[in-house]
Amino acid sequence: MAEPTALVAQQAEPPLPRPDPNRERDAPPLVREPDSARMAEPTEECTTSEDGTETACIRRLDPEASAQLRQSAAPSMGARYPTCRTPRQIYFFRDEVCANFAYSYVLTRTVNGTPTVVGRADFETWRYSYTSADLANWSHELGMEVVASSGEAVGATLDGFAVAGGACSTGADSTIGGVGLGTGKQFIGTGNIRSNSTEIGSWGYCSANWTVSATAPSGVRASITDWNEPGVRCDNYLSYQTRRPGCVVPQYPEAVSYDALPDLANHVLQAQQSGLPGATVDNPLVKADDATTARNRQLACGDAPSIAGRSCDEYPVATSKQGLTAGGERRTFDQCSFPNIGAGSGASGVSVCMVPERQQFSQGGLNSAFFREWRVFVDDPFRVVVR
């Protein structure tokens, strides 16, 4: 099959390099159903010619129809979007979002009061956003593949444009245009999006949408608009630390690894194995504010024993909302030097352990660097992993 037609936005700043879709990840994507309110929006958009004899519609297919379409003609373009594993699900990491939906374009002509379908094209779409925590621009890509086309739909042409919303702007000429709807046709449009939150201390949420239109040979035209979900957050809020703006998908819990700190890592592993949260994307920790962090430390380690070269470590980490301010009891393990505290299990409370002081100090710097690198704000999820 021929390479897909690619029309990329033109703007002063170069587009963000597209990441390797097959790069290794330390965890699977987070998966969500599309927002129910958005899914309740009209699933079909129709336009009728001025004389009333011809109607063109673009409709989003329901799950059953989408599955049947894939069984009859599996799209080859899906290999470009490996993150999108199941239609009508939203998959995301902290630097990318992907969703796959199927549509039909139907052309109907009415003669002597009787409507007849004179053309139909079924096509798959992939909405793929990718960001960089180091750059103020990001991309919202639309991939399309026509898996079946018949009748007058074969002669229809497709065009579209991307528009950014919220605290972002669209690069000039983020468009696709003038391409046919014959079976096997593939199209890629890249909307290059620029954050407006570049002033020091600023931040905001962004969205990006593609509006796609199909024009029949007779000139009747139908359009439908997709959406980008969840939203991207761009900021220069941490500029005193990062000295640069950037954009992330804040709903995904990126991971900080303690593998370089063996004693501390062993404590974290034991704590997580005892039932405490924070190891997985579906059971993460949540970033706490400074006051909560200080209170967590006091409650967990305020009465820690004084041992030369040792420092009190608590898990979940003090910088999370899952610390002792959330309730629960302390637990510990053998060799942790807390003789008056027993073992425990379950998702609430914290584990405490005396670990080498150098590792404890290194942990603080590691956490701070991680929060800066991935732009983790208060109330953002994150993970702690031991590989």
Protein backbone atom coordinates (compact mmCIF):
# COMPACT_ATOMS: atom_id res chain seq x y z
CA MET A 1 0.00 0.00 0.00
CA ALA A 2 1.22 3.50 -0.82
CA GLU A 3 2.53 5.77 1.91
CA PRO A 4 -0.22 7.89 3.51
CA THR A 5 -0.69 11.44 2.35
CA ALA A 6 0.85 13.76 4.95
CA LEU A 7 0.12 17.47 5.16
CA VAL A 8 1.84 19.08 8.13
CA ALA A 9 1.14 22.49 9.63
CA GLN A 10 3.46 25.34 8.73
CA GLN A 11 4.56 27.59 11.57
CA ALA A 12 7.59 29.57 12.65
CA GLU A 13 8.63 27.03 15.27
CA PRO A 14 9.53 23.54 13.99
CA PRO A 15 7.05 20.78 14.87
CA LEU A 16 7.70 18.52 17.79
CA PRO A 17 9.57 15.36 16.70
CA ARG A 18 7.22 12.38 16.67
CA PRO A 19 8.26 9.83 19.31
CA ASP A 20 9.13 6.24 18.48
CA PRO A 21 5.78 4.43 18.86
CA ASN A 22 7.53 1.20 19.89
CA ARG A 23 9.85 2.63 22.54
CA GLU A 24 9.99 0.73 25.80
CA ARG A 25 7.87 1.86 28.75
CA ASP A 26 8.16 0.81 32.37
CA ALA A 27 4.38 0.40 32.70
CA PRO A 28 1.28 0.11 30.51
CA PRO A 29 -0.79 3.14 29.55
CA LEU A 30 -3.66 4.32 31.69
CA VAL A 31 -6.97 3.43 30.02
CA ARG A 32 -10.19 5.40 30.36
CA GLU A 33 -13.62 5.38 28.80
CA PRO A 34 -14.38 8.57 26.87
CA ASP A 35 -16.09 11.19 28.98
CA SER A 36 -19.79 10.29 29.05
CA ALA A 37 -20.89 13.88 28.45
CA ARG A 38 -18.78 14.11 25.32
CA MET A 39 -19.98 10.72 24.07
CA ALA A 40 -23.55 11.97 24.50
CA GLU A 41 -22.94 14.70 21.94
CA PRO A 42 -24.43 14.17 18.45
CA THR A 43 -22.85 11.14 16.81
CA GLU A 44 -24.05 12.13 13.36
CA GLU A 45 -23.75 15.35 11.39
CA CYS A 46 -25.76 15.72 8.16
CA THR A 47 -26.11 18.34 5.44
CA THR A 48 -28.85 18.47 2.79
CA SER A 49 -28.51 20.14 -0.59
CA GLU A 50 -30.48 23.32 -1.29
CA ASP A 51 -32.97 21.49 -3.50
CA GLY A 52 -33.48 18.83 -0.83
CA THR A 53 -32.59 15.90 -3.03
CA GLU A 54 -29.21 14.93 -1.61
CA THR A 55 -28.05 14.40 1.97
CA ALA A 56 -24.54 13.67 3.17
CA CYS A 57 -23.89 12.39 6.71
CA ILE A 58 -20.82 11.52 8.75
CA ARG A 59 -21.63 9.33 11.75
CA ARG A 60 -19.55 7.87 14.53
CA LEU A 61 -20.05 4.12 14.68
CA ASP A 62 -21.20 2.40 17.88
CA PRO A 63 -19.00 -0.29 19.48
CA GLU A 64 -20.74 -3.20 17.72
CA ALA A 65 -20.48 -1.60 14.29
CA SER A 66 -16.85 -0.66 14.95
CA ALA A 67 -16.01 -4.27 15.82
CA GLN A 68 -17.77 -5.57 12.70
CA LEU A 69 -15.86 -3.09 10.56
CA ARG A 70 -12.54 -4.25 11.95
CA GLN A 71 -13.42 -7.90 11.38
CA SER A 72 -14.32 -7.28 7.75
CA ALA A 73 -11.36 -5.03 6.87
CA ALA A 74 -8.62 -4.63 9.47
CA PRO A 75 -6.87 -1.28 8.91
CA SER A 76 -3.15 -1.46 8.27
CA MET A 77 -2.56 2.04 9.64
CA GLY A 78 -3.06 0.82 13.20
CA ALA A 79 0.62 -0.16 13.31
CA ARG A 80 1.42 3.56 13.40
CA TYR A 81 -0.55 3.88 16.64
CA PRO A 82 0.34 0.86 18.84
CA THR A 83 -0.79 2.67 22.00
CA CYS A 84 -4.41 2.54 20.72
CA ARG A 85 -5.18 -1.10 21.45
CA THR A 86 -8.99 -1.15 21.51
CA PRO A 87 -11.47 1.09 19.67
CA ARG A 88 -13.40 3.67 21.69
CA GLN A 89 -10.93 3.60 24.59
CA ILE A 90 -8.54 6.42 25.52
CA TYR A 91 -4.95 5.38 26.24
CA PHE A 92 -2.47 7.78 27.71
CA PHE A 93 0.99 8.23 29.15
CA ARG A 94 2.33 11.48 30.61
CA ASP A 95 3.59 12.51 27.16
CA GLU A 96 1.00 11.03 24.79
CA VAL A 97 -2.71 10.31 24.34
CA CYS A 98 -4.31 8.05 21.74
CA ALA A 99 -7.90 7.10 20.85
CA ASN A 100 -9.36 5.17 17.92
CA PHE A 101 -12.89 5.67 16.53
CA ALA A 102 -14.65 4.48 13.38
CA TYR A 103 -16.93 6.57 11.16
CA SER A 104 -19.13 6.19 8.11
CA TYR A 105 -19.77 8.73 5.37
CA VAL A 106 -23.14 8.09 3.74
CA LEU A 107 -24.53 9.87 0.68
CA THR A 108 -28.29 9.60 0.08
CA ARG A 109 -30.30 10.84 -2.93
CA THR A 110 -34.07 11.28 -2.92
CA VAL A 111 -35.99 10.73 -6.18
CA ASN A 112 -39.78 10.96 -6.29
CA GLY A 113 -39.85 10.98 -2.52
CA THR A 114 -37.81 7.80 -2.15
CA PRO A 115 -34.35 8.10 -0.52
CA THR A 116 -31.60 5.78 -1.79
CA VAL A 117 -28.05 5.38 -0.52
CA VAL A 118 -25.82 6.13 -3.50
CA GLY A 119 -22.44 6.05 -1.76
CA ARG A 120 -20.76 5.02 1.46
CA ALA A 121 -17.23 5.14 2.87
CA ASP A 122 -16.21 3.56 6.19
CA PHE A 123 -13.04 4.85 7.77
CA GLU A 124 -11.01 4.49 10.94
CA THR A 125 -9.52 7.50 12.72
CA TRP A 126 -6.73 7.76 15.26
CA ARG A 127 -6.37 10.89 17.41
CA TYR A 128 -2.84 10.98 18.75
CA SER A 129 -1.39 13.79 20.86
CA TYR A 130 2.24 13.87 21.94
CA THR A 131 4.01 16.37 24.16
CA SER A 132 7.38 17.20 25.67
CA ALA A 133 8.01 18.21 29.27
CA ASP A 134 10.83 20.38 27.89
CA LEU A 135 8.99 22.30 25.13
CA ALA A 136 6.08 24.72 24.90
CA ASN A 137 4.69 23.16 21.73
CA TRP A 138 2.93 19.83 21.21
CA SER A 139 1.19 17.99 18.38
CA HIS A 140 -2.28 16.58 17.81
CA GLU A 141 -2.17 14.13 14.94
CA LEU A 142 -5.15 12.78 13.04
CA GLY A 143 -4.65 9.54 11.14
CA MET A 144 -7.38 8.21 8.84
CA GLU A 145 -7.74 5.10 6.71
CA VAL A 146 -10.65 4.33 4.37
CA VAL A 147 -11.32 0.62 4.83
CA ALA A 148 -14.29 0.36 2.43
CA SER A 149 -15.76 2.73 -0.14
CA SER A 150 -18.48 2.32 -2.74
CA GLY A 151 -20.71 4.22 -5.14
CA GLU A 152 -20.40 7.98 -5.37
CA ALA A 153 -18.47 8.12 -2.10
CA VAL A 154 -15.41 7.02 -4.07
CA GLY A 155 -15.46 10.39 -5.83
CA ALA A 156 -15.87 12.45 -2.66
CA THR A 157 -12.96 14.48 -1.30
CA LEU A 158 -11.92 15.07 2.27
CA ASP A 159 -10.42 18.09 4.00
CA GLY A 160 -9.97 19.20 7.59
CA PHE A 161 -8.37 21.60 10.03
CA ALA A 162 -7.11 21.51 13.59
CA VAL A 163 -8.03 24.08 16.24
CA ALA A 164 -6.53 24.43 19.71
CA GLY A 165 -8.57 25.44 22.72
CA GLY A 166 -7.95 26.58 26.27
CA ALA A 167 -4.51 28.02 27.03
CA CYS A 168 -3.00 27.10 23.64
CA SER A 169 -3.00 28.34 20.05
CA THR A 170 -2.90 26.53 16.70
CA GLY A 171 0.02 26.78 14.31
CA ALA A 172 -0.84 28.33 10.94
CA ASP A 173 -2.36 26.08 8.26
CA SER A 174 -2.86 23.00 10.44
CA THR A 175 -4.88 21.40 7.66
CA ILE A 176 -5.42 18.42 5.39
CA GLY A 177 -7.16 18.92 2.09
CA GLY A 178 -8.20 17.70 -1.33
CA VAL A 179 -7.78 13.95 -0.79
CA GLY A 180 -10.11 11.24 -2.11
CA LEU A 181 -12.14 8.64 -0.23
CA GLY A 182 -11.26 5.55 -2.26
CA THR A 183 -10.74 2.24 -0.44
CA GLY A 184 -7.28 1.97 1.09
CA LYS A 185 -6.59 5.71 1.14
CA GLN A 186 -4.63 6.90 4.19
CA PHE A 187 -4.25 10.45 5.43
CA ILE A 188 -2.27 12.10 8.22
CA GLY A 189 -2.80 15.61 9.50
CA THR A 190 -0.61 17.16 12.18
CA GLY A 191 -1.90 20.07 14.19
CA ASN A 192 1.07 21.88 15.73
CA ILE A 193 -0.08 23.42 19.00
CA ARG A 194 1.67 26.17 20.94
CA SER A 195 1.27 26.87 24.65
CA ASN A 196 0.27 30.39 25.67
CA SER A 197 1.48 29.71 29.23
CA THR A 198 5.05 30.81 28.71
CA GLU A 199 5.22 33.68 31.19
CA ILE A 200 6.92 32.83 34.48
CA GLY A 201 4.39 31.47 36.96
CA SER A 202 1.71 30.74 34.35
CA TRP A 203 -0.04 27.46 33.51
CA GLY A 204 -3.18 26.29 31.76
CA TYR A 205 -5.04 23.37 30.21
CA CYS A 206 -5.27 22.88 26.47
CA SER A 207 -7.33 20.86 24.02
CA ALA A 208 -7.07 20.27 20.28
CA ASN A 209 -9.76 19.22 17.83
CA TRP A 210 -9.89 18.20 14.20
CA THR A 211 -12.92 19.11 12.08
CA VAL A 212 -13.14 16.82 9.06
CA SER A 213 -15.41 17.43 6.06
CA ALA A 214 -16.32 15.26 3.08
CA THR A 215 -17.57 16.87 -0.15
CA ALA A 216 -19.63 14.79 -2.60
CA PRO A 217 -19.16 15.13 -6.38
CA SER A 218 -22.38 17.18 -6.41
CA GLY A 219 -20.92 19.62 -3.89
CA VAL A 220 -22.98 18.70 -0.81
CA ARG A 221 -20.73 18.71 2.21
CA ALA A 222 -20.83 17.06 5.66
CA SER A 223 -18.52 17.75 8.62
CA ILE A 224 -17.81 16.31 12.05
CA THR A 225 -15.50 17.41 14.87
CA ASP A 226 -13.44 15.09 17.07
CA TRP A 227 -12.00 15.91 20.48
CA ASN A 228 -8.79 15.56 22.42
CA GLU A 229 -9.20 13.96 25.83
CA PRO A 230 -7.79 14.05 28.45
CA GLY A 231 -6.40 17.56 28.14
CA VAL A 232 -2.77 18.63 28.01
CA ARG A 233 -1.41 20.96 30.68
CA CYS A 234 1.31 23.44 29.73
CA ASP A 235 3.15 25.65 32.17
CA ASN A 236 6.06 27.80 33.12
CA TYR A 237 4.89 27.51 36.71
CA LEU A 238 8.04 25.84 37.98
CA SER A 239 10.29 28.20 36.04
CA TYR A 240 12.39 29.03 39.10
CA GLN A 241 13.35 25.36 39.11
CA THR A 242 13.10 24.17 35.49
CA ARG A 243 13.82 27.52 33.77
CA ARG A 244 11.70 26.41 30.80
CA PRO A 245 8.05 25.90 29.82
CA GLY A 246 6.72 22.47 28.92
CA CYS A 247 3.59 20.35 28.44
CA VAL A 248 2.40 17.05 29.95
CA VAL A 249 -0.72 14.91 30.28
CA PRO A 250 -1.13 15.33 34.06
CA GLN A 251 -3.53 12.44 34.64
CA TYR A 252 -0.83 9.83 34.03
CA PRO A 253 1.35 8.81 37.01
CA GLU A 254 4.98 8.82 35.86
CA ALA A 255 7.43 6.85 38.01
CA VAL A 256 10.45 7.71 40.13
CA SER A 257 12.83 4.80 40.65
CA TYR A 258 14.84 4.12 43.81
CA ASP A 259 16.96 1.35 42.33
CA ALA A 260 20.16 3.33 42.96
CA LEU A 261 19.38 3.41 46.71
CA PRO A 262 19.36 -0.29 47.70
CA ASP A 263 18.41 -0.10 51.39
CA LEU A 264 15.71 2.45 50.77
CA ALA A 265 14.48 0.51 47.73
CA ASN A 266 14.20 -2.65 49.82
CA HIS A 267 12.06 -0.81 52.35
CA VAL A 268 9.78 0.56 49.60
CA LEU A 269 9.42 -2.90 48.09
CA GLN A 270 8.46 -4.45 51.44
CA ALA A 271 6.02 -1.63 52.11
CA GLN A 272 4.32 -2.03 48.74
CA GLN A 273 4.18 -5.81 49.15
CA SER A 274 2.40 -5.25 52.46
CA GLY A 275 -0.43 -3.51 50.59
CA LEU A 276 0.57 0.16 50.51
CA PRO A 277 -0.17 2.02 47.24
CA GLY A 278 2.03 3.73 44.68
CA ALA A 279 3.53 0.97 42.54
CA THR A 280 1.05 0.83 39.64
CA VAL A 281 -0.68 3.20 37.24
CA ASP A 282 -4.11 2.31 38.59
CA ASN A 283 -3.12 2.73 42.26
CA PRO A 284 -0.71 5.69 42.35
CA LEU A 285 0.31 8.20 44.98
CA VAL A 286 -0.88 11.82 44.77
CA LYS A 287 1.40 14.82 45.25
CA ALA A 288 0.84 16.71 48.52
CA ASP A 289 1.39 20.37 49.32
CA ASP A 290 4.23 21.56 51.57
CA ALA A 291 2.12 21.75 54.74
CA THR A 292 0.85 18.19 54.31
CA THR A 293 4.36 16.98 53.52
CA ALA A 294 5.73 18.48 56.75
CA ARG A 295 2.88 17.02 58.80
CA ASN A 296 3.37 13.57 57.22
CA ARG A 297 7.04 13.61 58.20
CA GLN A 298 6.31 14.63 61.77
CA LEU A 299 3.64 11.97 62.25
CA ALA A 300 5.75 9.18 60.74
CA CYS A 301 9.25 9.99 61.97
CA GLY A 302 8.92 12.52 64.76
CA ASP A 303 9.87 9.94 67.39
CA ALA A 304 12.44 8.04 65.32
CA PRO A 305 15.38 6.57 67.28
CA SER A 306 18.71 8.39 67.17
CA ILE A 307 21.14 6.08 65.39
CA ALA A 308 24.45 7.35 64.02
CA GLY A 309 24.51 7.31 60.21
CA ARG A 310 20.82 6.37 59.99
CA SER A 311 17.72 8.37 59.09
CA CYS A 312 13.99 7.62 59.22
CA ASP A 313 12.35 6.72 55.91
CA GLU A 314 8.59 6.50 55.55
CA TYR A 315 6.47 5.02 52.77
CA PRO A 316 4.23 6.22 51.20
CA VAL A 317 6.63 9.13 50.79
CA ALA A 318 5.93 12.26 52.82
CA THR A 319 5.32 14.26 49.62
CA SER A 320 2.17 12.21 48.95
CA LYS A 321 -1.40 12.60 50.18
CA GLN A 322 -1.29 8.95 51.26
CA GLY A 323 0.91 9.78 54.27
CA LEU A 324 -0.30 9.58 57.87
CA THR A 325 -2.34 12.79 57.50
CA ALA A 326 -4.74 10.51 55.58
CA GLY A 327 -5.08 8.24 58.60
CA GLY A 328 -3.98 4.73 59.45
CA GLU A 329 -1.22 3.31 61.61
CA ARG A 330 2.52 2.85 61.33
CA ARG A 331 4.05 -0.52 60.48
CA THR A 332 7.63 -1.72 60.15
CA PHE A 333 9.80 -4.72 59.27
CA ASP A 334 12.71 -6.67 60.71
CA GLN A 335 16.03 -4.80 60.75
CA CYS A 336 14.26 -1.40 60.59
CA SER A 337 15.10 -0.43 64.20
CA PHE A 338 11.57 0.41 65.35
CA PRO A 339 11.12 -2.18 68.13
CA ASN A 340 7.91 -0.67 69.50
CA ILE A 341 6.04 -0.77 66.20
CA GLY A 342 4.58 -3.98 64.82
CA ALA A 343 4.07 -5.39 61.36
CA GLY A 344 0.95 -4.56 59.41
CA SER A 345 -0.80 -4.85 56.11
CA GLY A 346 -3.39 -3.07 54.01
CA ALA A 347 -3.66 0.09 51.95
CA SER A 348 -3.80 2.69 54.75
CA GLY A 349 -1.07 3.90 57.06
CA VAL A 350 2.68 4.07 56.46
CA SER A 351 5.77 1.94 56.89
CA VAL A 352 8.83 3.33 58.69
CA CYS A 353 12.41 2.13 58.59
CA MET A 354 15.83 3.47 59.58
CA VAL A 355 17.99 3.56 56.44
CA PRO A 356 21.49 4.88 55.66
CA GLU A 357 21.49 8.64 56.04
CA ARG A 358 23.18 9.23 52.68
CA GLN A 359 20.46 7.29 50.88
CA GLN A 360 17.78 9.28 52.68
CA PHE A 361 19.38 12.56 51.63
CA SER A 362 19.76 11.30 48.05
CA GLN A 363 16.09 10.37 47.99
CA GLY A 364 15.09 13.97 48.63
CA GLY A 365 17.13 15.21 45.70
CA LEU A 366 15.88 12.39 43.48
CA ASN A 367 12.25 13.20 44.26
CA SER A 368 12.73 16.92 43.64
CA ALA A 369 14.43 16.31 40.30
CA PHE A 370 11.67 13.89 39.29
CA PHE A 371 8.89 16.34 40.16
CA ARG A 372 10.64 19.05 38.15
CA GLU A 373 11.39 16.83 35.15
CA TRP A 374 7.82 15.56 34.78
CA ARG A 375 6.15 18.77 35.97
CA VAL A 376 4.34 17.05 38.86
CA PHE A 377 2.07 19.56 40.59
CA VAL A 378 0.12 19.24 43.83
CA ASP A 379 -2.76 16.77 43.23
CA ASP A 380 -0.94 15.07 40.32
CA PRO A 381 -0.56 11.29 40.51
CA PHE A 382 2.88 9.64 40.51
CA ARG A 383 4.42 6.23 41.17
CA VAL A 384 7.40 4.92 43.12
CA VAL A 385 8.97 1.85 41.53
CA VAL A 386 11.67 -0.62 42.45
CA ARG A 387 12.82 -2.51 39.38
